[in-house]
Amino acid sequence: MKRILRMKRLAALSTLLATAIAGTLVSANPAYARSQPECESYVVVSNQAGYQAAAPIGQYGVLPCSLLWGDGGPGTLALQWALNDCYLAPAGKTLLQEDASFGQLTYNALKFAQSKAGITSDGQFGPTSRAYLKFPSIAGGTSTCARLGRPTP
């Protein structure tokens, strides 16, 4: 009798665990679905005012591209440079470790920068963030932070 009861409890626990796992997989946040390829690198680009900035770019120069929590590499590093130099340092906030890893701190910093830029603060870097966020820029020997604007075709 005890063995049957133990087996029923084990079966119930297994069913509960399977349901929890399935529910987690099914209810994954669709906001983190990637609609553009990952920004795997960066390139120095010029904006309309002639400022040059290192901006994230997709493999083989593909635009638009995106960066999401869990991404990593040179594209994420360029984003971290921008967040540190153009948003966190001027606000007197703790700077990100420039480790090319998109985790909680990069996510929080990106949301802060997006709110400062007046765009949707979702913690995801995509075409709108690329156009409206400021990046460390140089023109004529002067360093500043400048928006890239929409990419030219």
N, C-alpha and C. Protein backbone atom coordinates (compact mmCIF):
# COMPACT_ATOMS: atom_id res chain seq x y z
N MET A 1 0.81 -1.19 0.00
CA MET A 1 0.00 0.00 0.00
C MET A 1 0.86 1.26 0.00
N LYS A 2 1.91 1.26 0.87
CA LYS A 2 2.79 2.43 0.92
C LYS A 2 3.51 2.64 -0.41
N ARG A 3 3.85 1.52 -1.05
CA ARG A 3 4.55 1.62 -2.33
C ARG A 3 3.65 2.25 -3.38
N ILE A 4 2.40 1.89 -3.42
CA ILE A 4 1.45 2.44 -4.38
C ILE A 4 1.28 3.94 -4.12
N LEU A 5 1.14 4.32 -2.86
CA LEU A 5 1.00 5.72 -2.49
C LEU A 5 2.24 6.51 -2.91
N ARG A 6 3.43 5.96 -2.67
CA ARG A 6 4.68 6.60 -3.05
C ARG A 6 4.75 6.77 -4.57
N MET A 7 4.32 5.76 -5.34
CA MET A 7 4.35 5.83 -6.80
C MET A 7 3.36 6.89 -7.31
N LYS A 8 2.19 7.00 -6.64
CA LYS A 8 1.21 8.01 -7.03
C LYS A 8 1.76 9.41 -6.78
N ARG A 9 2.43 9.59 -5.64
CA ARG A 9 3.04 10.89 -5.34
C ARG A 9 4.13 11.23 -6.35
N LEU A 10 4.94 10.26 -6.69
CA LEU A 10 5.99 10.45 -7.67
C LEU A 10 5.40 10.80 -9.03
N ALA A 11 4.34 10.13 -9.42
CA ALA A 11 3.67 10.41 -10.69
C ALA A 11 3.08 11.82 -10.67
N ALA A 12 2.46 12.20 -9.55
CA ALA A 12 1.86 13.53 -9.44
C ALA A 12 2.95 14.61 -9.50
N LEU A 13 4.06 14.36 -8.80
CA LEU A 13 5.17 15.30 -8.82
C LEU A 13 5.76 15.43 -10.22
N SER A 14 5.91 14.32 -10.93
CA SER A 14 6.42 14.33 -12.30
C SER A 14 5.49 15.11 -13.21
N THR A 15 4.19 14.90 -13.06
CA THR A 15 3.20 15.62 -13.87
C THR A 15 3.26 17.12 -13.58
N LEU A 16 3.36 17.47 -12.31
CA LEU A 16 3.44 18.87 -11.93
C LEU A 16 4.70 19.52 -12.50
N LEU A 17 5.81 18.84 -12.40
CA LEU A 17 7.08 19.35 -12.93
C LEU A 17 7.01 19.51 -14.44
N ALA A 18 6.47 18.53 -15.14
CA ALA A 18 6.33 18.60 -16.59
C ALA A 18 5.43 19.75 -17.00
N THR A 19 4.33 19.95 -16.26
CA THR A 19 3.41 21.05 -16.55
C THR A 19 4.10 22.39 -16.34
N ALA A 20 4.87 22.52 -15.27
CA ALA A 20 5.58 23.77 -15.00
C ALA A 20 6.59 24.08 -16.09
N ILE A 21 7.34 23.05 -16.49
CA ILE A 21 8.33 23.25 -17.55
C ILE A 21 7.64 23.61 -18.86
N ALA A 22 6.60 22.91 -19.21
CA ALA A 22 5.88 23.19 -20.45
C ALA A 22 5.27 24.58 -20.41
N GLY A 23 4.72 24.97 -19.27
CA GLY A 23 4.15 26.32 -19.14
C GLY A 23 5.19 27.39 -19.31
N THR A 24 6.38 27.16 -18.79
CA THR A 24 7.47 28.11 -18.93
C THR A 24 7.88 28.24 -20.39
N LEU A 25 7.97 27.13 -21.08
CA LEU A 25 8.37 27.17 -22.48
C LEU A 25 7.30 27.82 -23.34
N VAL A 26 6.06 27.52 -23.07
CA VAL A 26 4.97 28.06 -23.87
C VAL A 26 4.77 29.54 -23.60
N SER A 27 4.96 29.97 -22.36
CA SER A 27 4.70 31.36 -22.01
C SER A 27 5.94 32.23 -22.06
N ALA A 28 6.94 31.84 -22.83
CA ALA A 28 8.14 32.65 -22.96
C ALA A 28 7.76 34.03 -23.48
N ASN A 29 8.41 35.06 -22.98
CA ASN A 29 8.08 36.43 -23.33
C ASN A 29 8.35 36.69 -24.80
N PRO A 30 7.31 36.95 -25.62
CA PRO A 30 7.51 37.17 -27.04
C PRO A 30 8.24 38.48 -27.33
N ALA A 31 8.34 39.36 -26.34
CA ALA A 31 9.03 40.63 -26.55
C ALA A 31 10.52 40.42 -26.85
N TYR A 32 11.05 39.23 -26.51
CA TYR A 32 12.45 38.98 -26.74
C TYR A 32 12.70 38.20 -28.02
N ALA A 33 11.67 38.05 -28.83
CA ALA A 33 11.86 37.38 -30.12
C ALA A 33 12.67 38.32 -31.02
N ARG A 34 13.62 37.76 -31.72
CA ARG A 34 14.48 38.58 -32.57
C ARG A 34 13.82 38.78 -33.93
N SER A 35 13.61 40.05 -34.31
CA SER A 35 13.01 40.35 -35.60
C SER A 35 14.06 40.74 -36.64
N GLN A 36 15.27 41.06 -36.20
CA GLN A 36 16.39 41.36 -37.09
C GLN A 36 17.56 40.48 -36.68
N PRO A 37 18.53 40.29 -37.58
CA PRO A 37 19.71 39.51 -37.20
C PRO A 37 20.49 40.21 -36.08
N GLU A 38 21.29 39.44 -35.38
CA GLU A 38 22.10 39.99 -34.29
C GLU A 38 23.16 40.94 -34.82
N CYS A 39 23.40 42.01 -34.07
CA CYS A 39 24.49 42.94 -34.38
C CYS A 39 25.78 42.26 -33.89
N GLU A 40 26.50 41.65 -34.80
CA GLU A 40 27.65 40.83 -34.42
C GLU A 40 28.96 41.60 -34.42
N SER A 41 28.95 42.81 -34.92
CA SER A 41 30.19 43.57 -35.01
C SER A 41 29.85 45.06 -34.88
N TYR A 42 30.81 45.89 -35.19
CA TYR A 42 30.55 47.33 -35.26
C TYR A 42 31.39 47.91 -36.39
N VAL A 43 30.96 49.06 -36.84
CA VAL A 43 31.64 49.74 -37.93
C VAL A 43 31.62 51.23 -37.63
N VAL A 44 32.62 51.94 -38.10
CA VAL A 44 32.63 53.39 -37.94
C VAL A 44 31.79 53.98 -39.07
N VAL A 45 30.75 54.73 -38.68
CA VAL A 45 29.84 55.34 -39.64
C VAL A 45 29.81 56.84 -39.41
N SER A 46 29.40 57.57 -40.43
CA SER A 46 29.24 59.03 -40.33
C SER A 46 27.76 59.36 -40.32
N ASN A 47 27.38 60.31 -39.46
CA ASN A 47 26.00 60.77 -39.47
C ASN A 47 25.88 61.96 -40.41
N GLN A 48 24.71 62.54 -40.52
CA GLN A 48 24.49 63.63 -41.47
C GLN A 48 25.29 64.89 -41.13
N ALA A 49 25.67 65.05 -39.87
CA ALA A 49 26.47 66.21 -39.48
C ALA A 49 27.96 65.97 -39.66
N GLY A 50 28.34 64.79 -40.11
CA GLY A 50 29.75 64.48 -40.35
C GLY A 50 30.48 63.88 -39.17
N TYR A 51 29.77 63.59 -38.08
CA TYR A 51 30.41 62.94 -36.94
C TYR A 51 30.58 61.46 -37.23
N GLN A 52 31.71 60.90 -36.81
CA GLN A 52 31.97 59.49 -37.00
C GLN A 52 31.83 58.77 -35.66
N ALA A 53 31.15 57.63 -35.70
CA ALA A 53 30.90 56.87 -34.48
C ALA A 53 30.98 55.38 -34.76
N ALA A 54 31.41 54.62 -33.75
CA ALA A 54 31.40 53.16 -33.83
C ALA A 54 30.00 52.69 -33.48
N ALA A 55 29.33 52.08 -34.43
CA ALA A 55 27.94 51.64 -34.22
C ALA A 55 27.80 50.15 -34.50
N PRO A 56 26.94 49.48 -33.73
CA PRO A 56 26.70 48.05 -33.97
C PRO A 56 26.17 47.79 -35.38
N ILE A 57 26.59 46.68 -35.93
CA ILE A 57 26.17 46.30 -37.28
C ILE A 57 26.08 44.77 -37.35
N GLY A 58 25.24 44.27 -38.21
CA GLY A 58 25.07 42.83 -38.37
C GLY A 58 26.19 42.22 -39.19
N GLN A 59 26.20 40.90 -39.24
CA GLN A 59 27.21 40.18 -40.02
C GLN A 59 27.13 40.62 -41.48
N TYR A 60 28.25 40.81 -42.10
CA TYR A 60 28.38 41.26 -43.49
C TYR A 60 27.78 42.64 -43.71
N GLY A 61 27.72 43.45 -42.65
CA GLY A 61 27.22 44.82 -42.78
C GLY A 61 25.71 44.94 -42.83
N VAL A 62 25.00 43.89 -42.42
CA VAL A 62 23.54 43.89 -42.50
C VAL A 62 22.94 44.90 -41.52
N LEU A 63 22.00 45.70 -42.02
CA LEU A 63 21.16 46.58 -41.21
C LEU A 63 19.73 46.34 -41.65
N PRO A 64 18.75 46.42 -40.80
CA PRO A 64 18.91 46.64 -39.38
C PRO A 64 19.38 45.37 -38.67
N CYS A 65 19.86 45.57 -37.46
CA CYS A 65 20.28 44.45 -36.63
C CYS A 65 19.78 44.71 -35.22
N SER A 66 19.90 43.71 -34.36
CA SER A 66 19.38 43.86 -33.01
C SER A 66 20.34 43.26 -31.99
N LEU A 67 20.20 43.72 -30.76
CA LEU A 67 20.92 43.17 -29.62
C LEU A 67 19.92 42.92 -28.51
N LEU A 68 19.97 41.72 -27.96
CA LEU A 68 19.05 41.31 -26.90
C LEU A 68 19.85 40.71 -25.75
N TRP A 69 19.18 40.61 -24.62
CA TRP A 69 19.77 39.98 -23.44
C TRP A 69 20.34 38.62 -23.86
N GLY A 70 21.56 38.35 -23.47
CA GLY A 70 22.22 37.09 -23.79
C GLY A 70 23.16 37.19 -24.96
N ASP A 71 23.05 38.25 -25.77
CA ASP A 71 23.97 38.43 -26.89
C ASP A 71 25.34 38.82 -26.37
N GLY A 72 26.33 38.71 -27.21
CA GLY A 72 27.68 39.10 -26.84
C GLY A 72 28.54 39.26 -28.06
N GLY A 73 29.61 40.02 -27.91
CA GLY A 73 30.54 40.22 -29.00
C GLY A 73 30.78 41.69 -29.27
N PRO A 74 31.46 41.99 -30.38
CA PRO A 74 31.82 43.38 -30.70
C PRO A 74 30.62 44.33 -30.82
N GLY A 75 29.48 43.85 -31.32
CA GLY A 75 28.30 44.72 -31.42
C GLY A 75 27.82 45.15 -30.05
N THR A 76 27.81 44.22 -29.11
CA THR A 76 27.42 44.53 -27.73
C THR A 76 28.44 45.47 -27.10
N LEU A 77 29.71 45.27 -27.38
CA LEU A 77 30.75 46.14 -26.85
C LEU A 77 30.55 47.58 -27.32
N ALA A 78 30.25 47.77 -28.61
CA ALA A 78 30.01 49.13 -29.13
C ALA A 78 28.81 49.77 -28.43
N LEU A 79 27.79 48.99 -28.15
CA LEU A 79 26.63 49.50 -27.42
C LEU A 79 27.04 49.90 -26.00
N GLN A 80 27.84 49.08 -25.33
CA GLN A 80 28.30 49.40 -23.98
C GLN A 80 29.13 50.68 -23.96
N TRP A 81 29.98 50.89 -24.98
CA TRP A 81 30.73 52.15 -25.07
C TRP A 81 29.77 53.33 -25.11
N ALA A 82 28.74 53.22 -25.95
CA ALA A 82 27.78 54.31 -26.08
C ALA A 82 27.03 54.55 -24.78
N LEU A 83 26.59 53.48 -24.15
CA LEU A 83 25.85 53.63 -22.90
C LEU A 83 26.71 54.29 -21.82
N ASN A 84 27.96 53.86 -21.71
CA ASN A 84 28.86 54.45 -20.71
C ASN A 84 29.15 55.92 -21.00
N ASP A 85 29.62 56.20 -22.21
CA ASP A 85 30.11 57.55 -22.54
C ASP A 85 29.00 58.58 -22.71
N CYS A 86 27.86 58.17 -23.24
CA CYS A 86 26.83 59.14 -23.59
C CYS A 86 25.66 59.20 -22.61
N TYR A 87 25.51 58.21 -21.76
CA TYR A 87 24.37 58.19 -20.86
C TYR A 87 24.74 58.01 -19.39
N LEU A 88 25.51 56.99 -19.06
CA LEU A 88 25.79 56.70 -17.66
C LEU A 88 26.77 57.70 -17.05
N ALA A 89 27.90 57.96 -17.71
CA ALA A 89 28.89 58.90 -17.17
C ALA A 89 28.30 60.30 -16.99
N PRO A 90 27.62 60.87 -18.00
CA PRO A 90 27.05 62.21 -17.80
C PRO A 90 26.01 62.28 -16.68
N ALA A 91 25.33 61.16 -16.40
CA ALA A 91 24.31 61.14 -15.35
C ALA A 91 24.91 60.80 -13.98
N GLY A 92 26.24 60.56 -13.93
CA GLY A 92 26.89 60.22 -12.67
C GLY A 92 26.56 58.82 -12.18
N LYS A 93 26.15 57.95 -13.09
CA LYS A 93 25.79 56.58 -12.71
C LYS A 93 27.00 55.65 -12.84
N THR A 94 26.92 54.50 -12.19
CA THR A 94 27.98 53.50 -12.27
C THR A 94 28.11 53.02 -13.70
N LEU A 95 29.34 52.98 -14.19
CA LEU A 95 29.58 52.56 -15.57
C LEU A 95 29.52 51.04 -15.69
N LEU A 96 29.17 50.61 -16.90
CA LEU A 96 29.17 49.19 -17.21
C LEU A 96 30.58 48.67 -17.34
N GLN A 97 30.79 47.43 -17.00
CA GLN A 97 32.04 46.77 -17.33
C GLN A 97 31.94 46.48 -18.83
N GLU A 98 32.88 46.97 -19.61
CA GLU A 98 32.84 46.78 -21.05
C GLU A 98 33.39 45.40 -21.38
N ASP A 99 32.48 44.42 -21.23
CA ASP A 99 32.87 43.01 -21.36
C ASP A 99 32.25 42.33 -22.57
N ALA A 100 31.54 43.09 -23.41
CA ALA A 100 30.90 42.56 -24.62
C ALA A 100 29.84 41.51 -24.31
N SER A 101 29.25 41.58 -23.13
CA SER A 101 28.23 40.63 -22.72
C SER A 101 26.95 41.38 -22.34
N PHE A 102 25.85 41.09 -23.03
CA PHE A 102 24.57 41.77 -22.80
C PHE A 102 23.83 41.03 -21.70
N GLY A 103 23.97 41.54 -20.47
CA GLY A 103 23.29 40.96 -19.32
C GLY A 103 22.41 41.98 -18.64
N GLN A 104 22.12 41.74 -17.36
CA GLN A 104 21.20 42.58 -16.60
C GLN A 104 21.62 44.05 -16.57
N LEU A 105 22.91 44.32 -16.33
CA LEU A 105 23.35 45.71 -16.22
C LEU A 105 23.28 46.44 -17.56
N THR A 106 23.63 45.76 -18.64
CA THR A 106 23.52 46.38 -19.97
C THR A 106 22.05 46.62 -20.30
N TYR A 107 21.21 45.67 -19.97
CA TYR A 107 19.76 45.79 -20.18
C TYR A 107 19.23 47.02 -19.44
N ASN A 108 19.58 47.16 -18.16
CA ASN A 108 19.12 48.30 -17.36
C ASN A 108 19.63 49.62 -17.93
N ALA A 109 20.91 49.63 -18.33
CA ALA A 109 21.50 50.85 -18.89
C ALA A 109 20.84 51.22 -20.22
N LEU A 110 20.53 50.23 -21.03
CA LEU A 110 19.86 50.49 -22.30
C LEU A 110 18.47 51.06 -22.07
N LYS A 111 17.74 50.51 -21.11
CA LYS A 111 16.42 51.05 -20.80
C LYS A 111 16.53 52.51 -20.34
N PHE A 112 17.53 52.81 -19.54
CA PHE A 112 17.76 54.19 -19.08
C PHE A 112 18.03 55.11 -20.27
N ALA A 113 18.92 54.67 -21.17
CA ALA A 113 19.25 55.48 -22.35
C ALA A 113 18.04 55.66 -23.26
N GLN A 114 17.27 54.61 -23.44
CA GLN A 114 16.07 54.71 -24.28
C GLN A 114 15.08 55.72 -23.68
N SER A 115 14.92 55.71 -22.37
CA SER A 115 14.00 56.66 -21.75
C SER A 115 14.53 58.09 -21.93
N LYS A 116 15.83 58.29 -21.82
CA LYS A 116 16.43 59.61 -22.03
C LYS A 116 16.26 60.08 -23.48
N ALA A 117 16.27 59.13 -24.42
CA ALA A 117 16.13 59.45 -25.84
C ALA A 117 14.66 59.64 -26.24
N GLY A 118 13.74 59.33 -25.34
CA GLY A 118 12.32 59.52 -25.63
C GLY A 118 11.71 58.44 -26.52
N ILE A 119 12.31 57.24 -26.48
CA ILE A 119 11.78 56.13 -27.27
C ILE A 119 11.32 55.03 -26.32
N THR A 120 10.67 54.02 -26.86
CA THR A 120 10.19 52.90 -26.05
C THR A 120 11.34 52.29 -25.26
N SER A 121 11.14 52.21 -23.96
CA SER A 121 12.17 51.71 -23.06
C SER A 121 11.94 50.22 -22.82
N ASP A 122 12.44 49.39 -23.78
CA ASP A 122 12.19 47.95 -23.69
C ASP A 122 13.46 47.13 -23.46
N GLY A 123 14.62 47.79 -23.41
CA GLY A 123 15.86 47.05 -23.16
C GLY A 123 16.34 46.24 -24.34
N GLN A 124 15.81 46.52 -25.53
CA GLN A 124 16.23 45.83 -26.74
C GLN A 124 16.79 46.86 -27.71
N PHE A 125 17.93 46.54 -28.32
CA PHE A 125 18.54 47.44 -29.28
C PHE A 125 18.14 47.00 -30.68
N GLY A 126 17.51 47.88 -31.41
CA GLY A 126 17.08 47.61 -32.78
C GLY A 126 17.15 48.88 -33.60
N PRO A 127 16.45 48.95 -34.71
CA PRO A 127 16.53 50.10 -35.61
C PRO A 127 16.19 51.44 -34.96
N THR A 128 15.17 51.46 -34.11
CA THR A 128 14.80 52.73 -33.46
C THR A 128 15.88 53.18 -32.49
N SER A 129 16.41 52.25 -31.69
CA SER A 129 17.49 52.60 -30.77
C SER A 129 18.71 53.08 -31.54
N ARG A 130 19.05 52.41 -32.63
CA ARG A 130 20.20 52.80 -33.45
C ARG A 130 20.04 54.23 -33.96
N ALA A 131 18.83 54.58 -34.36
CA ALA A 131 18.59 55.91 -34.92
C ALA A 131 18.57 57.02 -33.86
N TYR A 132 18.05 56.72 -32.67
CA TYR A 132 17.82 57.77 -31.68
C TYR A 132 18.80 57.83 -30.53
N LEU A 133 19.51 56.75 -30.24
CA LEU A 133 20.50 56.81 -29.17
C LEU A 133 21.75 57.54 -29.66
N LYS A 134 22.46 58.12 -28.71
CA LYS A 134 23.72 58.80 -29.04
C LYS A 134 24.88 57.82 -28.90
N PHE A 135 25.88 58.02 -29.73
CA PHE A 135 27.10 57.21 -29.73
C PHE A 135 28.29 58.14 -29.60
N PRO A 136 29.37 57.67 -28.94
CA PRO A 136 30.58 58.49 -28.86
C PRO A 136 31.05 58.80 -30.29
N SER A 137 31.27 60.09 -30.56
CA SER A 137 31.54 60.52 -31.93
C SER A 137 32.68 61.51 -31.98
N ILE A 138 33.30 61.58 -33.16
CA ILE A 138 34.42 62.50 -33.39
C ILE A 138 34.20 63.20 -34.72
N ALA A 139 34.42 64.50 -34.74
CA ALA A 139 34.41 65.27 -36.00
C ALA A 139 35.39 66.41 -35.84
N GLY A 140 36.32 66.51 -36.76
CA GLY A 140 37.30 67.59 -36.72
C GLY A 140 38.10 67.64 -35.43
N GLY A 141 38.37 66.48 -34.84
CA GLY A 141 39.15 66.42 -33.61
C GLY A 141 38.34 66.66 -32.35
N THR A 142 37.04 66.92 -32.49
CA THR A 142 36.17 67.17 -31.34
C THR A 142 35.40 65.90 -30.99
N SER A 143 35.45 65.53 -29.72
CA SER A 143 34.69 64.36 -29.25
C SER A 143 33.37 64.81 -28.65
N THR A 144 32.33 64.09 -28.94
CA THR A 144 31.01 64.37 -28.40
C THR A 144 30.17 63.10 -28.48
N CYS A 145 28.92 63.22 -28.21
CA CYS A 145 27.98 62.12 -28.42
C CYS A 145 26.95 62.62 -29.44
N ALA A 146 26.69 61.80 -30.45
CA ALA A 146 25.78 62.21 -31.52
C ALA A 146 24.89 61.07 -31.93
N ARG A 147 23.71 61.43 -32.40
CA ARG A 147 22.78 60.44 -32.93
C ARG A 147 23.22 60.06 -34.33
N LEU A 148 22.97 58.81 -34.67
CA LEU A 148 23.30 58.35 -36.03
C LEU A 148 22.20 58.71 -37.01
N GLY A 149 20.97 58.75 -36.55
CA GLY A 149 19.85 58.96 -37.46
C GLY A 149 19.56 57.68 -38.21
N ARG A 150 18.61 57.74 -39.09
CA ARG A 150 18.23 56.57 -39.89
C ARG A 150 19.35 56.24 -40.88
N PRO A 151 19.64 54.95 -41.07
CA PRO A 151 20.67 54.59 -42.04
C PRO A 151 20.26 54.98 -43.46
N THR A 152 21.21 55.44 -44.22
CA THR A 152 20.93 55.78 -45.62
C THR A 152 21.00 54.54 -46.47
N PRO A 153 20.11 54.42 -47.47
CA PRO A 153 20.09 53.21 -48.30
C PRO A 153 21.34 53.04 -49.14
